[in-house]
Every structure is written in C-alpha cells, then in structure tokens.
Amino acid sequence: MDNSRSSLYEHGGKERLSTHSFGLGDIRLTAYAWLLNPAKARKGNIQVGLGLKLPTGNYNYQDYFYHTGANDTRTLGPVDQSIQLGDGGTGITTELNTYYNFTHKFGLYGSFYYLISPREQNGVSTARGSVPSAKAVANGSDVMSVPDQLMIRGGASYGISKFDFSAGVRYECLPVHDLVGGSNGFRRPGYIISAEPGVTYRLKSLSIYAFVPVALKRDRTQSVPDKISTNLTGTYTQGDAAFADYAINIGITYRFK
C-alpha cells in the first residue's frame, strides 16, 4: 500500500502539507465453496466464503506533522486512521456471491461481504504525536478503534464477444457498532451508495476487469465517541468524514487448470 493524505488542520492550519504511509497491508485468507454442483447448475449458483483478516499491516505508522508559524516545528506521530496500513485486529470475513444467467449473454449478479472485528481498540494515539485533548480522553476517541466493514453489490451484466459489460449498485458501510466486541475508540462510521458500471475482458483462463463506482449518496453517522460527547455536553456532536466522488478498481484474475 502507498498512501498520501494532505490537510491544513494537521499542520497548524496555515499551509496544506502531507503525510504518507507505505508498506504491506493486512492480508486476507479465504476459502470458498459452491453450494450447488457447478457441473449441473449451469445457469446460476451461490458461493460462500469464510476467512481470516490478519493484522500484517503496520497500524502505528508514523510521519512528521509540521507546525508552521514564527518557530517552525515538526512532531513525529501516528498518521491518520484513513492511511494506516492496517487496523491491528484479527478479523473474520464472511462472503456470499451469487449469479443467475437468463441467457448466454444476459444475467444478474450479487455479492455480500462482512468483516467481523472482535478487537475494540488497537491502542494507537489519535493525537498525531501530541498530547490527547481532555475531550478526546473523555469520549474515548484518543485511541483508534478497530471497526467492522460491510459491502453489498448487485446488478446486471451483458456479454458481447469477449467482453462483459455490467451496471450495478454498490453499498459500502463502516458501522457505528460492531457485531462482536466493543465499539468505542476513534472511527469514522458512515456509508456510501454508488452506481457501479464495469467491464470485463475474458480469455480462456485470464480475465481483466475494471469497475468505477460513482457516489450517489454519502452519509457520516454518529460514532460512539460522538454520542458520548453529545450526552456529556448536551450538544449534538458529529465528527468529520471525507468520501470519494468515484473510485477506479482494476484487477486481473487467472484460473489454473
């Protein structure tokens, strides 16, 4: 992974500067099985997957934060959660993938993915090398959370020669509350609903694909620390978030016979 994040507020608020992270991310190992016999269920099938998400990525990656002013200084500290190489938790991944072909060219597809993260917090400070504020300590956002993740996709595809063109909807979510374990600590929960056009080029054993989800609706929901601050102060609190207008996902798959 190679990440870069630029901001004003992390560097004194007068000049936009960047922090970076580079290295191996969290590795996921998954086993898959078809519920129906592929030799007999030629029109459609359902695939289930179960795996582990391993904490192989550095979840305490650090870079320098600059404080511009009369006396320029810099502080070494953990980079923002959005560009950390991992979350520090061992997770359980569950998947469900399905398709049904009405004709040789036209079909429907759907998929479901959920990452269960039992670990509540990873102990990494959110203060960027400085001392956490009293407010952050009081609401629990002074350390990073290890959140669950959810993605649902569905749509239709149409084949022309060696190309498969698809149009679908994509739902991605970082929940406020985890299925297992606590949910406190700093996280940016929310969801994004996107239109997802895509194209796949197929050879005998090789497939090259590109999907470009374009955001239709984005919402940042209240985290547990936000709710604690709301209860402590009596003032509704909701943290920051940033969503991409679109994403480009490109990949290659090869099937060994």
Protein backbone atom coordinates (compact mmCIF):
# COMPACT_ATOMS: atom_id res chain seq x y z
CA MET A 1 0.00 0.00 0.00
CA ASP A 2 1.12 3.55 -0.78
CA ASN A 3 -0.99 6.27 0.85
CA SER A 4 -0.83 10.05 0.96
CA ARG A 5 -3.02 12.49 2.91
CA SER A 6 -2.92 16.29 2.71
CA SER A 7 -4.61 18.68 5.14
CA LEU A 8 -4.45 22.09 6.75
CA TYR A 9 -5.58 21.37 10.31
CA GLU A 10 -2.98 18.66 10.95
CA HIS A 11 -0.15 21.12 10.18
CA GLY A 12 -1.08 24.29 12.02
CA GLY A 13 -3.88 25.44 9.71
CA LYS A 14 -1.81 27.84 7.60
CA GLU A 15 -0.31 25.60 4.94
CA ARG A 16 -1.53 22.38 3.31
CA LEU A 17 1.06 19.67 3.87
CA SER A 18 1.08 15.89 3.51
CA THR A 19 1.74 12.74 5.49
CA HIS A 20 2.46 9.36 3.94
CA SER A 21 2.47 5.62 4.65
CA PHE A 22 3.99 2.80 2.63
CA GLY A 23 4.28 -0.95 3.16
CA LEU A 24 2.44 -4.24 3.40
CA GLY A 25 -1.23 -4.04 4.35
CA ASP A 26 -3.46 -6.53 6.15
CA ILE A 27 -3.59 -9.91 4.38
CA ARG A 28 -6.84 -11.80 3.92
CA LEU A 29 -7.02 -15.60 3.51
CA THR A 30 -10.38 -17.03 2.42
CA ALA A 31 -11.76 -20.45 1.48
CA TYR A 32 -14.70 -20.62 -0.95
CA ALA A 33 -17.25 -23.31 -1.78
CA TRP A 34 -20.16 -23.59 -4.23
CA LEU A 35 -23.49 -24.58 -2.67
CA LEU A 36 -24.62 -26.20 -5.93
CA ASN A 37 -22.69 -28.56 -8.16
CA PRO A 38 -21.16 -26.32 -10.87
CA ALA A 39 -21.35 -29.17 -13.38
CA LYS A 40 -25.16 -29.29 -13.01
CA ALA A 41 -26.09 -25.74 -12.00
CA ARG A 42 -25.01 -24.06 -15.22
CA LYS A 43 -27.40 -21.11 -15.12
CA GLY A 44 -26.80 -19.97 -11.57
CA ASN A 45 -25.05 -20.75 -8.34
CA ILE A 46 -24.27 -19.46 -4.85
CA GLN A 47 -20.78 -19.28 -3.44
CA VAL A 48 -19.95 -18.88 0.26
CA GLY A 49 -16.65 -17.74 1.69
CA LEU A 50 -15.13 -17.80 5.15
CA GLY A 51 -11.71 -16.47 6.07
CA LEU A 52 -9.33 -14.54 8.28
CA LYS A 53 -8.10 -10.97 8.00
CA LEU A 54 -4.63 -10.95 9.54
CA PRO A 55 -3.04 -7.87 11.22
CA THR A 56 0.05 -7.91 8.98
CA GLY A 57 -0.04 -4.18 8.22
CA ASN A 58 1.65 -1.62 10.45
CA TYR A 59 -1.21 0.01 12.36
CA ASN A 60 1.08 2.52 14.11
CA TYR A 61 2.77 4.01 11.04
CA GLN A 62 4.27 7.42 11.83
CA ASP A 63 5.24 10.51 9.89
CA TYR A 64 6.05 14.14 10.66
CA PHE A 65 3.38 16.76 11.31
CA TYR A 66 4.57 20.33 10.72
CA HIS A 67 3.50 23.34 12.75
CA THR A 68 4.13 26.43 10.66
CA GLY A 69 4.49 29.83 12.26
CA ALA A 70 7.11 32.05 13.85
CA ASN A 71 9.01 29.00 15.05
CA ASP A 72 8.50 26.14 12.62
CA THR A 73 8.48 22.79 14.37
CA ARG A 74 7.61 19.24 13.48
CA THR A 75 6.27 16.34 15.54
CA LEU A 76 6.58 12.63 14.77
CA GLY A 77 3.32 10.80 15.39
CA PRO A 78 0.89 8.16 14.07
CA VAL A 79 -0.67 9.16 10.75
CA ASP A 80 -4.43 9.49 10.38
CA GLN A 81 -6.51 6.32 10.60
CA SER A 82 -7.50 6.68 6.94
CA ILE A 83 -3.95 5.97 5.73
CA GLN A 84 -2.75 3.47 8.34
CA LEU A 85 -1.55 0.24 6.69
CA GLY A 86 -3.67 -1.92 9.00
CA ASP A 87 -6.09 -1.77 11.91
CA GLY A 88 -4.27 -4.08 14.34
CA GLY A 89 -7.08 -6.61 14.61
CA THR A 90 -7.54 -10.21 13.52
CA GLY A 91 -10.90 -10.34 11.79
CA ILE A 92 -13.32 -12.97 10.47
CA THR A 93 -14.51 -12.44 6.90
CA THR A 94 -17.83 -13.76 5.61
CA GLU A 95 -18.86 -13.67 1.96
CA LEU A 96 -21.80 -14.62 -0.24
CA ASN A 97 -21.57 -14.41 -4.04
CA THR A 98 -24.30 -15.39 -6.47
CA TYR A 99 -25.27 -15.13 -10.14
CA TYR A 100 -28.03 -16.24 -12.47
CA ASN A 101 -27.84 -16.22 -16.27
CA PHE A 102 -31.18 -15.88 -18.08
CA THR A 103 -29.49 -16.31 -21.45
CA HIS A 104 -25.98 -16.95 -22.70
CA LYS A 105 -25.40 -13.17 -22.73
CA PHE A 106 -27.60 -11.65 -20.01
CA GLY A 107 -27.53 -12.32 -16.27
CA LEU A 108 -27.73 -10.93 -12.76
CA TYR A 109 -25.11 -10.95 -10.01
CA GLY A 110 -24.87 -10.11 -6.33
CA SER A 111 -22.35 -10.25 -3.51
CA PHE A 112 -22.18 -9.67 0.24
CA TYR A 113 -19.06 -9.13 2.36
CA TYR A 114 -18.78 -8.54 6.10
CA LEU A 115 -15.64 -8.22 8.21
CA ILE A 116 -16.15 -9.08 11.90
CA SER A 117 -13.52 -7.34 14.08
CA PRO A 118 -13.69 -8.55 17.71
CA ARG A 119 -10.91 -6.22 18.91
CA GLU A 120 -12.31 -2.90 20.13
CA GLN A 121 -9.25 -0.63 20.08
CA ASN A 122 -5.63 -1.01 18.97
CA GLY A 123 -4.05 1.43 21.45
CA VAL A 124 -2.68 3.83 18.81
CA SER A 125 -2.99 7.50 19.72
CA THR A 126 -5.03 9.85 17.53
CA ALA A 127 -3.18 12.95 18.79
CA ARG A 128 -0.61 12.94 15.94
CA GLY A 129 2.36 12.94 18.29
CA SER A 130 0.89 15.50 20.69
CA VAL A 131 -0.95 15.10 24.00
CA PRO A 132 -4.62 13.98 23.56
CA SER A 133 -7.19 16.61 24.47
CA ALA A 134 -9.33 16.24 27.58
CA LYS A 135 -12.39 15.96 25.33
CA ALA A 136 -10.84 13.05 23.36
CA VAL A 137 -9.93 11.23 26.57
CA ALA A 138 -13.44 11.77 27.98
CA ASN A 139 -15.27 10.37 24.94
CA GLY A 140 -12.76 7.62 24.12
CA SER A 141 -11.58 8.99 20.76
CA ASP A 142 -7.97 9.40 21.95
CA VAL A 143 -7.16 5.90 20.60
CA MET A 144 -8.06 4.25 17.31
CA SER A 145 -10.96 1.82 17.01
CA VAL A 146 -10.89 -1.49 15.10
CA PRO A 147 -14.20 -1.40 13.18
CA ASP A 148 -16.28 -3.91 11.25
CA GLN A 149 -16.75 -3.38 7.50
CA LEU A 150 -19.63 -4.18 5.15
CA MET A 151 -20.08 -4.20 1.37
CA ILE A 152 -23.07 -5.25 -0.78
CA ARG A 153 -23.08 -5.28 -4.60
CA GLY A 154 -25.71 -6.21 -7.14
CA GLY A 155 -26.52 -5.63 -10.78
CA ALA A 156 -26.86 -6.99 -14.31
CA SER A 157 -24.32 -7.99 -16.94
CA TYR A 158 -24.44 -8.39 -20.70
CA GLY A 159 -21.85 -10.18 -22.82
CA ILE A 160 -20.65 -9.12 -26.25
CA SER A 161 -17.92 -11.28 -27.78
CA LYS A 162 -15.10 -11.45 -25.20
CA PHE A 163 -16.45 -8.50 -23.18
CA ASP A 164 -18.92 -8.48 -20.29
CA PHE A 165 -20.47 -5.10 -19.55
CA SER A 166 -22.19 -4.61 -16.20
CA ALA A 167 -24.26 -1.99 -14.41
CA GLY A 168 -24.99 -2.24 -10.71
CA VAL A 169 -25.31 -0.64 -7.30
CA ARG A 170 -22.65 -0.75 -4.59
CA TYR A 171 -23.22 -0.18 -0.85
CA GLU A 172 -20.21 0.25 1.44
CA CYS A 173 -20.53 0.81 5.17
CA LEU A 174 -18.37 1.22 8.24
CA PRO A 175 -20.87 0.52 11.04
CA VAL A 176 -21.25 2.50 14.24
CA HIS A 177 -21.46 -0.70 16.30
CA ASP A 178 -19.57 -3.97 15.77
CA LEU A 179 -21.26 -7.35 15.80
CA VAL A 180 -18.72 -8.71 18.30
CA GLY A 181 -16.84 -6.76 20.97
CA GLY A 182 -17.00 -3.09 21.91
CA SER A 183 -17.32 -0.16 19.52
CA ASN A 184 -15.58 2.72 21.28
CA GLY A 185 -12.45 4.46 20.05
CA PHE A 186 -11.94 6.77 17.09
CA ARG A 187 -13.62 5.71 13.87
CA ARG A 188 -15.47 7.47 11.05
CA PRO A 189 -18.65 5.43 10.60
CA GLY A 190 -20.87 6.02 7.63
CA TYR A 191 -21.99 4.63 4.31
CA ILE A 192 -21.80 5.36 0.60
CA ILE A 193 -24.20 4.21 -2.14
CA SER A 194 -22.73 4.20 -5.63
CA ALA A 195 -23.71 3.40 -9.20
CA GLU A 196 -21.15 0.88 -10.45
CA PRO A 197 -20.54 0.42 -14.18
CA GLY A 198 -17.95 -2.14 -15.14
CA VAL A 199 -16.34 -4.08 -17.98
CA THR A 200 -14.53 -7.42 -18.02
CA TYR A 201 -12.38 -8.80 -20.85
CA ARG A 202 -12.22 -12.59 -20.82
CA LEU A 203 -9.79 -15.06 -22.36
CA LYS A 204 -9.66 -18.80 -21.66
CA SER A 205 -8.00 -18.58 -18.25
CA LEU A 206 -7.35 -14.86 -17.89
CA SER A 207 -9.79 -12.06 -17.06
CA ILE A 208 -9.10 -8.34 -16.84
CA TYR A 209 -11.74 -6.16 -15.21
CA ALA A 210 -12.44 -2.52 -14.34
CA PHE A 211 -15.22 -1.16 -12.12
CA VAL A 212 -15.86 2.54 -11.48
CA PRO A 213 -18.32 3.14 -8.61
CA VAL A 214 -19.67 6.72 -8.73
CA ALA A 215 -21.11 8.08 -5.47
CA LEU A 216 -24.87 8.77 -5.35
CA LYS A 217 -25.39 9.18 -1.59
CA ARG A 218 -22.89 9.65 1.25
CA ASP A 219 -23.60 9.94 4.97
CA ARG A 220 -21.32 10.15 8.01
CA THR A 221 -23.14 8.72 11.03
CA GLN A 222 -22.58 9.38 14.74
CA SER A 223 -19.77 7.31 16.26
CA VAL A 224 -19.78 6.05 19.84
CA PRO A 225 -17.45 8.92 20.95
CA ASP A 226 -19.80 11.37 19.18
CA LYS A 227 -22.71 10.01 21.20
CA ILE A 228 -20.71 10.17 24.45
CA SER A 229 -19.84 13.82 23.75
CA THR A 230 -23.49 14.57 22.99
CA ASN A 231 -24.53 13.08 26.34
CA LEU A 232 -21.75 14.87 28.25
CA THR A 233 -22.32 18.34 26.76
CA GLY A 234 -25.98 18.26 25.75
CA THR A 235 -24.94 19.47 22.28
CA TYR A 236 -25.32 17.22 19.24
CA THR A 237 -21.86 16.12 18.09
CA GLN A 238 -20.92 14.52 14.78
CA GLY A 239 -17.34 14.11 13.59
CA ASP A 240 -15.72 14.74 10.25
CA ALA A 241 -15.52 12.48 7.21
CA ALA A 242 -14.43 12.56 3.58
CA PHE A 243 -15.89 10.49 0.75
CA ALA A 244 -14.53 9.96 -2.75
CA ASP A 245 -16.67 11.13 -5.67
CA TYR A 246 -15.66 7.97 -7.54
CA ALA A 247 -13.17 5.11 -7.37
CA ILE A 248 -11.36 3.07 -10.03
CA ASN A 249 -10.92 -0.65 -9.32
CA ILE A 250 -8.80 -2.59 -11.81
CA GLY A 251 -7.76 -6.23 -11.46
CA ILE A 252 -6.62 -9.42 -13.15
CA THR A 253 -7.66 -12.97 -12.35
CA TYR A 254 -6.06 -16.18 -13.62
CA ARG A 255 -7.53 -19.65 -13.25
CA PHE A 256 -5.16 -22.60 -13.03
CA LYS A 257 -6.47 -25.85 -14.51
